[in-house]
Amino acid sequence: MMTPETIFGKLQQKFNENPDLSDKVKAVYQFVLTGDGGGQWWVDLLSKPGMVGKGEKTGANCVITMASEDFVGLATKEANAVKLFMSGKLKIGGDLSAAMKIQNVL
């Protein structure tokens, strides 16, 4: 079963294999995931390759808050970001345009 930890680990691997992905985004994200397997994670795409970590990252351009199960659905393309946002299950703080760009790397 996929967990947020598995997904963030695969994301780091993806950045290492494709360092130019950070050029398309140029932002720092803070993920606040609630429920089982949740917690705080950050994704820093300001430099190559992108970096992923657990915990809180100061200076994030965009804070994304959602249930960990919805995050897994989003990352595995089983859930739609717009539907999650419209139903209030996905909350975005900060730079909305940066939030749109994260789909390119997930």
PDB file of N, CA and C in Angstrom:
ATOM      1  N   MET A   1       0.836  -1.196   0.000  1.00  0.00           N
ATOM      2  CA  MET A   1       0.000   0.000   0.000  1.00  0.00           C
ATOM      3  C   MET A   1       0.878   1.256   0.000  1.00  0.00           C
ATOM      4  N   MET A   2       0.491   2.223  -0.792  1.00  0.00           N
ATOM      5  CA  MET A   2       1.226   3.480  -0.857  1.00  0.00           C
ATOM      6  C   MET A   2       0.967   4.312   0.391  1.00  0.00           C
ATOM      7  N   THR A   3       2.017   4.957   0.871  1.00  0.00           N
ATOM      8  CA  THR A   3       1.894   5.875   1.999  1.00  0.00           C
ATOM      9  C   THR A   3       2.551   7.193   1.596  1.00  0.00           C
ATOM     10  N   PRO A   4       2.258   8.288   2.314  1.00  0.00           N
ATOM     11  CA  PRO A   4       2.946   9.542   1.998  1.00  0.00           C
ATOM     12  C   PRO A   4       4.471   9.378   2.043  1.00  0.00           C
ATOM     13  N   GLU A   5       4.976   8.615   3.008  1.00  0.00           N
ATOM     14  CA  GLU A   5       6.427   8.423   3.125  1.00  0.00           C
ATOM     15  C   GLU A   5       6.995   7.755   1.875  1.00  0.00           C
ATOM     16  N   THR A   6       6.297   6.745   1.362  1.00  0.00           N
ATOM     17  CA  THR A   6       6.714   6.059   0.132  1.00  0.00           C
ATOM     18  C   THR A   6       6.734   7.039  -1.042  1.00  0.00           C
ATOM     19  N   ILE A   7       5.680   7.845  -1.138  1.00  0.00           N
ATOM     20  CA  ILE A   7       5.557   8.791  -2.251  1.00  0.00           C
ATOM     21  C   ILE A   7       6.653   9.848  -2.204  1.00  0.00           C
ATOM     22  N   PHE A   8       6.915  10.407  -1.018  1.00  0.00           N
ATOM     23  CA  PHE A   8       7.975  11.414  -0.921  1.00  0.00           C
ATOM     24  C   PHE A   8       9.337  10.801  -1.214  1.00  0.00           C
ATOM     25  N   GLY A   9       9.548   9.542  -0.830  1.00  0.00           N
ATOM     26  CA  GLY A   9      10.802   8.852  -1.153  1.00  0.00           C
ATOM     27  C   GLY A   9      10.979   8.690  -2.655  1.00  0.00           C
ATOM     28  N   LYS A  10       9.904   8.305  -3.329  1.00  0.00           N
ATOM     29  CA  LYS A  10       9.948   8.156  -4.790  1.00  0.00           C
ATOM     30  C   LYS A  10      10.145   9.505  -5.472  1.00  0.00           C
ATOM     31  N   LEU A  11       9.585  10.555  -4.855  1.00  0.00           N
ATOM     32  CA  LEU A  11       9.735  11.904  -5.398  1.00  0.00           C
ATOM     33  C   LEU A  11      11.204  12.326  -5.375  1.00  0.00           C
ATOM     34  N   GLN A  12      11.890  12.033  -4.264  1.00  0.00           N
ATOM     35  CA  GLN A  12      13.315  12.374  -4.174  1.00  0.00           C
ATOM     36  C   GLN A  12      14.101  11.633  -5.249  1.00  0.00           C
ATOM     37  N   GLN A  13      13.773  10.369  -5.456  1.00  0.00           N
ATOM     38  CA  GLN A  13      14.423   9.567  -6.491  1.00  0.00           C
ATOM     39  C   GLN A  13      14.181  10.178  -7.874  1.00  0.00           C
ATOM     40  N   LYS A  14      12.951  10.618  -8.108  1.00  0.00           N
ATOM     41  CA  LYS A  14      12.577  11.243  -9.384  1.00  0.00           C
ATOM     42  C   LYS A  14      13.396  12.518  -9.615  1.00  0.00           C
ATOM     43  N   PHE A  15      13.550  13.344  -8.563  1.00  0.00           N
ATOM     44  CA  PHE A  15      14.336  14.584  -8.687  1.00  0.00           C
ATOM     45  C   PHE A  15      15.803  14.275  -8.978  1.00  0.00           C
ATOM     46  N   ASN A  16      16.340  13.240  -8.326  1.00  0.00           N
ATOM     47  CA  ASN A  16      17.735  12.868  -8.550  1.00  0.00           C
ATOM     48  C   ASN A  16      17.960  12.416  -9.988  1.00  0.00           C
ATOM     49  N   GLU A  17      16.983  11.699 -10.547  1.00  0.00           N
ATOM     50  CA  GLU A  17      17.095  11.198 -11.922  1.00  0.00           C
ATOM     51  C   GLU A  17      16.790  12.275 -12.958  1.00  0.00           C
ATOM     52  N   ASN A  18      15.970  13.286 -12.581  1.00  0.00           N
ATOM     53  CA  ASN A  18      15.569  14.360 -13.497  1.00  0.00           C
ATOM     54  C   ASN A  18      15.772  15.716 -12.819  1.00  0.00           C
ATOM     55  N   PRO A  19      17.024  16.149 -12.635  1.00  0.00           N
ATOM     56  CA  PRO A  19      17.272  17.396 -11.901  1.00  0.00           C
ATOM     57  C   PRO A  19      16.639  18.631 -12.544  1.00  0.00           C
ATOM     58  N   ASP A  20      16.343  18.582 -13.844  1.00  0.00           N
ATOM     59  CA  ASP A  20      15.759  19.748 -14.519  1.00  0.00           C
ATOM     60  C   ASP A  20      14.295  19.989 -14.146  1.00  0.00           C
ATOM     61  N   LEU A  21      13.655  19.049 -13.452  1.00  0.00           N
ATOM     62  CA  LEU A  21      12.257  19.241 -13.029  1.00  0.00           C
ATOM     63  C   LEU A  21      12.102  20.500 -12.183  1.00  0.00           C
ATOM     64  N   SER A  22      13.125  20.823 -11.408  1.00  0.00           N
ATOM     65  CA  SER A  22      13.041  22.003 -10.538  1.00  0.00           C
ATOM     66  C   SER A  22      12.914  23.291 -11.352  1.00  0.00           C
ATOM     67  N   ASP A  23      13.455  23.304 -12.584  1.00  0.00           N
ATOM     68  CA  ASP A  23      13.362  24.497 -13.443  1.00  0.00           C
ATOM     69  C   ASP A  23      11.914  24.859 -13.780  1.00  0.00           C
ATOM     70  N   LYS A  24      11.044  23.851 -13.846  1.00  0.00           N
ATOM     71  CA  LYS A  24       9.649  24.078 -14.218  1.00  0.00           C
ATOM     72  C   LYS A  24       8.820  24.641 -13.069  1.00  0.00           C
ATOM     73  N   VAL A  25       9.333  24.521 -11.837  1.00  0.00           N
ATOM     74  CA  VAL A  25       8.514  24.859 -10.675  1.00  0.00           C
ATOM     75  C   VAL A  25       9.066  26.044  -9.884  1.00  0.00           C
ATOM     76  N   LYS A  26      10.317  25.958  -9.449  1.00  0.00           N
ATOM     77  CA  LYS A  26      10.975  27.042  -8.688  1.00  0.00           C
ATOM     78  C   LYS A  26      10.159  27.523  -7.489  1.00  0.00           C
ATOM     79  N   ALA A  27       9.827  26.596  -6.572  1.00  0.00           N
ATOM     80  CA  ALA A  27       9.066  26.957  -5.373  1.00  0.00           C
ATOM     81  C   ALA A  27       9.374  25.967  -4.257  1.00  0.00           C
ATOM     82  N   VAL A  28       8.999  26.354  -3.037  1.00  0.00           N
ATOM     83  CA  VAL A  28       9.135  25.478  -1.866  1.00  0.00           C
ATOM     84  C   VAL A  28       7.729  25.193  -1.342  1.00  0.00           C
ATOM     85  N   TYR A  29       7.440  23.907  -1.119  1.00  0.00           N
ATOM     86  CA  TYR A  29       6.121  23.467  -0.668  1.00  0.00           C
ATOM     87  C   TYR A  29       6.200  22.867   0.724  1.00  0.00           C
ATOM     88  N   GLN A  30       5.199  23.177   1.522  1.00  0.00           N
ATOM     89  CA  GLN A  30       5.030  22.527   2.823  1.00  0.00           C
ATOM     90  C   GLN A  30       3.734  21.730   2.742  1.00  0.00           C
ATOM     91  N   PHE A  31       3.821  20.439   3.014  1.00  0.00           N
ATOM     92  CA  PHE A  31       2.638  19.587   3.033  1.00  0.00           C
ATOM     93  C   PHE A  31       2.285  19.272   4.476  1.00  0.00           C
ATOM     94  N   VAL A  32       1.037  19.506   4.838  1.00  0.00           N
ATOM     95  CA  VAL A  32       0.528  19.162   6.163  1.00  0.00           C
ATOM     96  C   VAL A  32      -0.536  18.094   5.930  1.00  0.00           C
ATOM     97  N   LEU A  33      -0.171  16.858   6.253  1.00  0.00           N
ATOM     98  CA  LEU A  33      -1.051  15.728   5.971  1.00  0.00           C
ATOM     99  C   LEU A  33      -1.625  15.192   7.277  1.00  0.00           C
ATOM    100  N   THR A  34      -2.941  15.061   7.322  1.00  0.00           N
ATOM    101  CA  THR A  34      -3.616  14.602   8.532  1.00  0.00           C
ATOM    102  C   THR A  34      -4.017  13.135   8.401  1.00  0.00           C
ATOM    103  N   GLY A  35      -4.281  12.492   9.517  1.00  0.00           N
ATOM    104  CA  GLY A  35      -4.732  11.102   9.494  1.00  0.00           C
ATOM    105  C   GLY A  35      -3.574  10.122   9.517  1.00  0.00           C
ATOM    106  N   ASP A  36      -3.884   8.850   9.268  1.00  0.00           N
ATOM    107  CA  ASP A  36      -2.882   7.778   9.305  1.00  0.00           C
ATOM    108  C   ASP A  36      -1.754   8.042   8.316  1.00  0.00           C
ATOM    109  N   GLY A  37      -0.526   7.926   8.773  1.00  0.00           N
ATOM    110  CA  GLY A  37       0.632   8.127   7.904  1.00  0.00           C
ATOM    111  C   GLY A  37       0.883   9.584   7.572  1.00  0.00           C
ATOM    112  N   GLY A  38       0.179  10.467   8.238  1.00  0.00           N
ATOM    113  CA  GLY A  38       0.323  11.899   7.959  1.00  0.00           C
ATOM    114  C   GLY A  38       1.573  12.494   8.582  1.00  0.00           C
ATOM    115  N   GLY A  39       1.553  13.796   8.722  1.00  0.00           N
ATOM    116  CA  GLY A  39       2.704  14.509   9.253  1.00  0.00           C
ATOM    117  C   GLY A  39       3.037  15.671   8.344  1.00  0.00           C
ATOM    118  N   GLN A  40       4.184  16.270   8.592  1.00  0.00           N
ATOM    119  CA  GLN A  40       4.612  17.400   7.768  1.00  0.00           C
ATOM    120  C   GLN A  40       5.788  16.978   6.898  1.00  0.00           C
ATOM    121  N   TRP A  41       5.717  17.400   5.656  1.00  0.00           N
ATOM    122  CA  TRP A  41       6.752  17.114   4.665  1.00  0.00           C
ATOM    123  C   TRP A  41       7.007  18.385   3.877  1.00  0.00           C
ATOM    124  N   TRP A  42       8.184  18.514   3.311  1.00  0.00           N
ATOM    125  CA  TRP A  42       8.471  19.661   2.449  1.00  0.00           C
ATOM    126  C   TRP A  42       9.149  19.197   1.173  1.00  0.00           C
ATOM    127  N   VAL A  43       8.932  19.995   0.145  1.00  0.00           N
ATOM    128  CA  VAL A  43       9.550  19.765  -1.166  1.00  0.00           C
ATOM    129  C   VAL A  43      10.151  21.098  -1.591  1.00  0.00           C
ATOM    130  N   ASP A  44      11.464  21.111  -1.797  1.00  0.00           N
ATOM    131  CA  ASP A  44      12.180  22.332  -2.179  1.00  0.00           C
ATOM    132  C   ASP A  44      12.646  22.195  -3.623  1.00  0.00           C
ATOM    133  N   LEU A  45      12.031  22.978  -4.506  1.00  0.00           N
ATOM    134  CA  LEU A  45      12.361  22.930  -5.925  1.00  0.00           C
ATOM    135  C   LEU A  45      12.980  24.246  -6.397  1.00  0.00           C
ATOM    136  N   LEU A  46      13.725  24.899  -5.521  1.00  0.00           N
ATOM    137  CA  LEU A  46      14.407  26.129  -5.915  1.00  0.00           C
ATOM    138  C   LEU A  46      15.740  25.849  -6.596  1.00  0.00           C
ATOM    139  N   SER A  47      16.345  24.716  -6.286  1.00  0.00           N
ATOM    140  CA  SER A  47      17.640  24.386  -6.895  1.00  0.00           C
ATOM    141  C   SER A  47      17.633  22.936  -7.368  1.00  0.00           C
ATOM    142  N   LYS A  48      18.644  22.582  -8.165  1.00  0.00           N
ATOM    143  CA  LYS A  48      18.741  21.229  -8.733  1.00  0.00           C
ATOM    144  C   LYS A  48      19.596  20.350  -7.844  1.00  0.00           C
ATOM    145  N   PRO A  49      19.320  19.074  -7.674  1.00  0.00           N
ATOM    146  CA  PRO A  49      17.994  18.525  -7.942  1.00  0.00           C
ATOM    147  C   PRO A  49      17.063  18.954  -6.812  1.00  0.00           C
ATOM    148  N   GLY A  50      15.799  18.765  -6.960  1.00  0.00           N
ATOM    149  CA  GLY A  50      14.877  19.106  -5.879  1.00  0.00           C
ATOM    150  C   GLY A  50      15.164  18.277  -4.645  1.00  0.00           C
ATOM    151  N   MET A  51      14.763  18.777  -3.498  1.00  0.00           N
ATOM    152  CA  MET A  51      14.982  18.065  -2.241  1.00  0.00           C
ATOM    153  C   MET A  51      13.643  17.829  -1.543  1.00  0.00           C
ATOM    154  N   VAL A  52      13.571  16.722  -0.822  1.00  0.00           N
ATOM    155  CA  VAL A  52      12.377  16.351  -0.081  1.00  0.00           C
ATOM    156  C   VAL A  52      12.792  16.079   1.356  1.00  0.00           C
ATOM    157  N   GLY A  53      11.960  16.475   2.310  1.00  0.00           N
ATOM    158  CA  GLY A  53      12.289  16.185   3.702  1.00  0.00           C
ATOM    159  C   GLY A  53      11.052  16.095   4.562  1.00  0.00           C
ATOM    160  N   LYS A  54      11.260  15.570   5.760  1.00  0.00           N
ATOM    161  CA  LYS A  54      10.160  15.438   6.711  1.00  0.00           C
ATOM    162  C   LYS A  54      10.294  16.544   7.744  1.00  0.00           C
ATOM    163  N   GLY A  55       9.155  17.100   8.156  1.00  0.00           N
ATOM    164  CA  GLY A  55       9.166  18.156   9.156  1.00  0.00           C
ATOM    165  C   GLY A  55       8.713  19.474   8.562  1.00  0.00           C
ATOM    166  N   GLU A  56       9.069  20.550   9.254  1.00  0.00           N
ATOM    167  CA  GLU A  56       8.638  21.870   8.821  1.00  0.00           C
ATOM    168  C   GLU A  56       9.786  22.598   8.135  1.00  0.00           C
ATOM    169  N   LYS A  57       9.470  23.261   7.036  1.00  0.00           N
ATOM    170  CA  LYS A  57      10.466  24.029   6.274  1.00  0.00           C
ATOM    171  C   LYS A  57      10.028  25.488   6.305  1.00  0.00           C
ATOM    172  N   THR A  58      10.867  26.339   6.844  1.00  0.00           N
ATOM    173  CA  THR A  58      10.511  27.759   6.880  1.00  0.00           C
ATOM    174  C   THR A  58      10.667  28.361   5.494  1.00  0.00           C
ATOM    175  N   GLY A  59       9.845  29.335   5.207  1.00  0.00           N
ATOM    176  CA  GLY A  59       9.943  30.037   3.933  1.00  0.00           C
ATOM    177  C   GLY A  59       9.265  29.351   2.766  1.00  0.00           C
ATOM    178  N   ALA A  60       8.317  28.452   3.046  1.00  0.00           N
ATOM    179  CA  ALA A  60       7.606  27.780   1.955  1.00  0.00           C
ATOM    180  C   ALA A  60       6.727  28.787   1.213  1.00  0.00           C
ATOM    181  N   ASN A  61       6.714  28.701  -0.129  1.00  0.00           N
ATOM    182  CA  ASN A  61       5.867  29.564  -0.957  1.00  0.00           C
ATOM    183  C   ASN A  61       4.408  29.136  -0.866  1.00  0.00           C
ATOM    184  N   CYS A  62       4.205  27.833  -0.634  1.00  0.00           N
ATOM    185  CA  CYS A  62       2.874  27.259  -0.729  1.00  0.00           C
ATOM    186  C   CYS A  62       2.708  26.184   0.349  1.00  0.00           C
ATOM    187  N   VAL A  63       1.616  26.275   1.106  1.00  0.00           N
ATOM    188  CA  VAL A  63       1.311  25.269   2.121  1.00  0.00           C
ATOM    189  C   VAL A  63       0.071  24.506   1.662  1.00  0.00           C
ATOM    190  N   ILE A  64       0.204  23.190   1.567  1.00  0.00           N
ATOM    191  CA  ILE A  64      -0.881  22.337   1.103  1.00  0.00           C
ATOM    192  C   ILE A  64      -1.306  21.444   2.259  1.00  0.00           C
ATOM    193  N   THR A  65      -2.579  21.559   2.648  1.00  0.00           N
ATOM    194  CA  THR A  65      -3.107  20.786   3.768  1.00  0.00           C
ATOM    195  C   THR A  65      -4.204  19.864   3.256  1.00  0.00           C
ATOM    196  N   MET A  66      -4.080  18.593   3.612  1.00  0.00           N
ATOM    197  CA  MET A  66      -5.075  17.607   3.202  1.00  0.00           C
ATOM    198  C   MET A  66      -4.890  16.318   4.001  1.00  0.00           C
ATOM    199  N   ALA A  67      -5.854  15.417   3.900  1.00  0.00           N
ATOM    200  CA  ALA A  67      -5.742  14.104   4.543  1.00  0.00           C
ATOM    201  C   ALA A  67      -4.691  13.289   3.797  1.00  0.00           C
ATOM    202  N   SER A  68      -3.946  12.466   4.540  1.00  0.00           N
ATOM    203  CA  SER A  68      -2.890  11.677   3.898  1.00  0.00           C
ATOM    204  C   SER A  68      -3.464  10.743   2.834  1.00  0.00           C
ATOM    205  N   GLU A  69      -4.654  10.203   3.060  1.00  0.00           N
ATOM    206  CA  GLU A  69      -5.252   9.303   2.058  1.00  0.00           C
ATOM    207  C   GLU A  69      -5.602  10.059   0.778  1.00  0.00           C
ATOM    208  N   ASP A  70      -6.019  11.330   0.895  1.00  0.00           N
ATOM    209  CA  ASP A  70      -6.296  12.130  -0.297  1.00  0.00           C
ATOM    210  C   ASP A  70      -4.996  12.467  -1.029  1.00  0.00           C
ATOM    211  N   PHE A  71      -3.916  12.702  -0.266  1.00  0.00           N
ATOM    212  CA  PHE A  71      -2.616  12.958  -0.884  1.00  0.00           C
ATOM    213  C   PHE A  71      -2.160  11.748  -1.692  1.00  0.00           C
ATOM    214  N   VAL A  72      -2.315  10.563  -1.118  1.00  0.00           N
ATOM    215  CA  VAL A  72      -1.938   9.326  -1.832  1.00  0.00           C
ATOM    216  C   VAL A  72      -2.777   9.205  -3.104  1.00  0.00           C
ATOM    217  N   GLY A  73      -4.069   9.499  -3.010  1.00  0.00           N
ATOM    218  CA  GLY A  73      -4.946   9.462  -4.188  1.00  0.00           C
ATOM    219  C   GLY A  73      -4.504  10.439  -5.256  1.00  0.00           C
ATOM    220  N   LEU A  74      -4.104  11.621  -4.820  1.00  0.00           N
ATOM    221  CA  LEU A  74      -3.638  12.655  -5.749  1.00  0.00           C
ATOM    222  C   LEU A  74      -2.344  12.219  -6.443  1.00  0.00           C
ATOM    223  N   ALA A  75      -1.414  11.690  -5.660  1.00  0.00           N
ATOM    224  CA  ALA A  75      -0.111  11.279  -6.203  1.00  0.00           C
ATOM    225  C   ALA A  75      -0.226  10.079  -7.129  1.00  0.00           C
ATOM    226  N   THR A  76      -1.209   9.218  -6.894  1.00  0.00           N
ATOM    227  CA  THR A  76      -1.395   8.031  -7.738  1.00  0.00           C
ATOM    228  C   THR A  76      -2.412   8.268  -8.850  1.00  0.00           C
ATOM    229  N   LYS A  77      -2.842   9.517  -8.978  1.00  0.00           N
ATOM    230  CA  LYS A  77      -3.784   9.949 -10.016  1.00  0.00           C
ATOM    231  C   LYS A  77      -5.175   9.321  -9.865  1.00  0.00           C
ATOM    232  N   GLU A  78      -5.503   8.838  -8.662  1.00  0.00           N
ATOM    233  CA  GLU A  78      -6.831   8.290  -8.410  1.00  0.00           C
ATOM    234  C   GLU A  78      -7.790   9.386  -7.941  1.00  0.00           C
ATOM    235  N   ALA A  79      -7.231  10.523  -7.516  1.00  0.00           N
ATOM    236  CA  ALA A  79      -8.056  11.643  -7.062  1.00  0.00           C
ATOM    237  C   ALA A  79      -7.756  12.864  -7.926  1.00  0.00           C
ATOM    238  N   ASN A  80      -8.740  13.732  -8.045  1.00  0.00           N
ATOM    239  CA  ASN A  80      -8.609  14.933  -8.859  1.00  0.00           C
ATOM    240  C   ASN A  80      -8.404  16.136  -7.943  1.00  0.00           C
ATOM    241  N   ALA A  81      -7.329  16.892  -8.183  1.00  0.00           N
ATOM    242  CA  ALA A  81      -6.982  18.035  -7.339  1.00  0.00           C
ATOM    243  C   ALA A  81      -8.099  19.076  -7.300  1.00  0.00           C
ATOM    244  N   VAL A  82      -8.716  19.357  -8.439  1.00  0.00           N
ATOM    245  CA  VAL A  82      -9.772  20.370  -8.494  1.00  0.00           C
ATOM    246  C   VAL A  82     -10.971  19.926  -7.653  1.00  0.00           C
ATOM    247  N   LYS A  83     -11.354  18.651  -7.777  1.00  0.00           N
ATOM    248  CA  LYS A  83     -12.483  18.134  -6.997  1.00  0.00           C
ATOM    249  C   LYS A  83     -12.167  18.179  -5.501  1.00  0.00           C
ATOM    250  N   LEU A  84     -10.935  17.802  -5.131  1.00  0.00           N
ATOM    251  CA  LEU A  84     -10.541  17.841  -3.721  1.00  0.00           C
ATOM    252  C   LEU A  84     -10.587  19.269  -3.195  1.00  0.00           C
ATOM    253  N   PHE A  85     -10.105  20.207  -4.008  1.00  0.00           N
ATOM    254  CA  PHE A  85     -10.087  21.615  -3.602  1.00  0.00           C
ATOM    255  C   PHE A  85     -11.508  22.153  -3.450  1.00  0.00           C
ATOM    256  N   MET A  86     -12.362  21.874  -4.446  1.00  0.00           N
ATOM    257  CA  MET A  86     -13.731  22.378  -4.430  1.00  0.00           C
ATOM    258  C   MET A  86     -14.549  21.794  -3.275  1.00  0.00           C
ATOM    259  N   SER A  87     -14.231  20.573  -2.868  1.00  0.00           N
ATOM    260  CA  SER A  87     -14.971  19.944  -1.772  1.00  0.00           C
ATOM    261  C   SER A  87     -14.381  20.301  -0.405  1.00  0.00           C
ATOM    262  N   GLY A  88     -13.324  21.119  -0.404  1.00  0.00           N
ATOM    263  CA  GLY A  88     -12.729  21.556   0.854  1.00  0.00           C
ATOM    264  C   GLY A  88     -11.768  20.548   1.465  1.00  0.00           C
ATOM    265  N   LYS A  89     -11.460  19.479   0.737  1.00  0.00           N
ATOM    266  CA  LYS A  89     -10.546  18.455   1.252  1.00  0.00           C
ATOM    267  C   LYS A  89      -9.083  18.815   1.012  1.00  0.00           C
ATOM    268  N   LEU A  90      -8.858  19.784   0.144  1.00  0.00           N
ATOM    269  CA  LEU A  90      -7.510  20.248  -0.186  1.00  0.00           C
ATOM    270  C   LEU A  90      -7.477  21.750   0.064  1.00  0.00           C
ATOM    271  N   LYS A  91      -6.624  22.159   0.989  1.00  0.00           N
ATOM    272  CA  LYS A  91      -6.515  23.581   1.315  1.00  0.00           C
ATOM    273  C   LYS A  91      -5.143  24.077   0.894  1.00  0.00           C
ATOM    274  N   ILE A  92      -5.121  25.252   0.275  1.00  0.00           N
ATOM    275  CA  ILE A  92      -3.877  25.824  -0.231  1.00  0.00           C
ATOM    276  C   ILE A  92      -3.663  27.182   0.414  1.00  0.00           C
ATOM    277  N   GLY A  93      -2.485  27.360   0.985  1.00  0.00           N
ATOM    278  CA  GLY A  93      -2.115  28.649   1.546  1.00  0.00           C
ATOM    279  C   GLY A  93      -0.911  29.180   0.803  1.00  0.00           C
ATOM    280  N   GLY A  94      -0.858  30.475   0.597  1.00  0.00           N
ATOM    281  CA  GLY A  94       0.288  31.051  -0.094  1.00  0.00           C
ATOM    282  C   GLY A  94       0.057  31.168  -1.586  1.00  0.00           C
ATOM    283  N   ASP A  95       1.083  30.852  -2.355  1.00  0.00           N
ATOM    284  CA  ASP A  95       1.117  31.058  -3.796  1.00  0.00           C
ATOM    285  C   ASP A  95       0.284  30.009  -4.540  1.00  0.00           C
ATOM    286  N   LEU A  96      -0.875  30.430  -5.040  1.00  0.00           N
ATOM    287  CA  LEU A  96      -1.776  29.521  -5.754  1.00  0.00           C
ATOM    288  C   LEU A  96      -1.171  29.036  -7.070  1.00  0.00           C
ATOM    289  N   SER A  97      -0.422  29.892  -7.762  1.00  0.00           N
ATOM    290  CA  SER A  97       0.190  29.459  -9.028  1.00  0.00           C
ATOM    291  C   SER A  97       1.244  28.380  -8.778  1.00  0.00           C
ATOM    292  N   ALA A  98       1.932  28.456  -7.646  1.00  0.00           N
ATOM    293  CA  ALA A  98       2.897  27.407  -7.287  1.00  0.00           C
ATOM    294  C   ALA A  98       2.163  26.095  -7.033  1.00  0.00           C
ATOM    295  N   ALA A  99       0.987  26.184  -6.419  1.00  0.00           N
ATOM    296  CA  ALA A  99       0.197  24.977  -6.155  1.00  0.00           C
ATOM    297  C   ALA A  99      -0.182  24.272  -7.451  1.00  0.00           C
ATOM    298  N   MET A 100      -0.459  25.044  -8.484  1.00  0.00           N
ATOM    299  CA  MET A 100      -0.821  24.454  -9.776  1.00  0.00           C
ATOM    300  C   MET A 100       0.368  23.703 -10.390  1.00  0.00           C
ATOM    301  N   LYS A 101       1.568  24.189 -10.137  1.00  0.00           N
ATOM    302  CA  LYS A 101       2.773  23.606 -10.739  1.00  0.00           C
ATOM    303  C   LYS A 101       3.182  22.285 -10.105  1.00  0.00           C
ATOM    304  N   ILE A 102       2.785  22.040  -8.855  1.00  0.00           N
ATOM    305  CA  ILE A 102       3.220  20.813  -8.170  1.00  0.00           C
ATOM    306  C   ILE A 102       2.688  19.573  -8.879  1.00  0.00           C
ATOM    307  N   GLN A 103       1.557  19.697  -9.586  1.00  0.00           N
ATOM    308  CA  GLN A 103       1.013  18.571 -10.331  1.00  0.00           C
ATOM    309  C   GLN A 103       2.000  18.062 -11.370  1.00  0.00           C
ATOM    310  N   ASN A 104       2.856  18.962 -11.881  1.00  0.00           N
ATOM    311  CA  ASN A 104       3.848  18.565 -12.888  1.00  0.00           C
ATOM    312  C   ASN A 104       4.866  17.574 -12.345  1.00  0.00           C
ATOM    313  N   VAL A 105       5.111  17.619 -11.040  1.00  0.00           N
ATOM    314  CA  VAL A 105       6.134  16.745 -10.486  1.00  0.00           C
ATOM    315  C   VAL A 105       5.573  15.548  -9.716  1.00  0.00           C
ATOM    316  N   LEU A 106       4.329  15.659  -9.238  1.00  0.00           N
ATOM    317  CA  LEU A 106       3.745  14.519  -8.505  1.00  0.00           C
ATOM    318  C   LEU A 106       3.470  13.421  -9.447  1.00  0.00           C
TER     319      LEU A 106
END
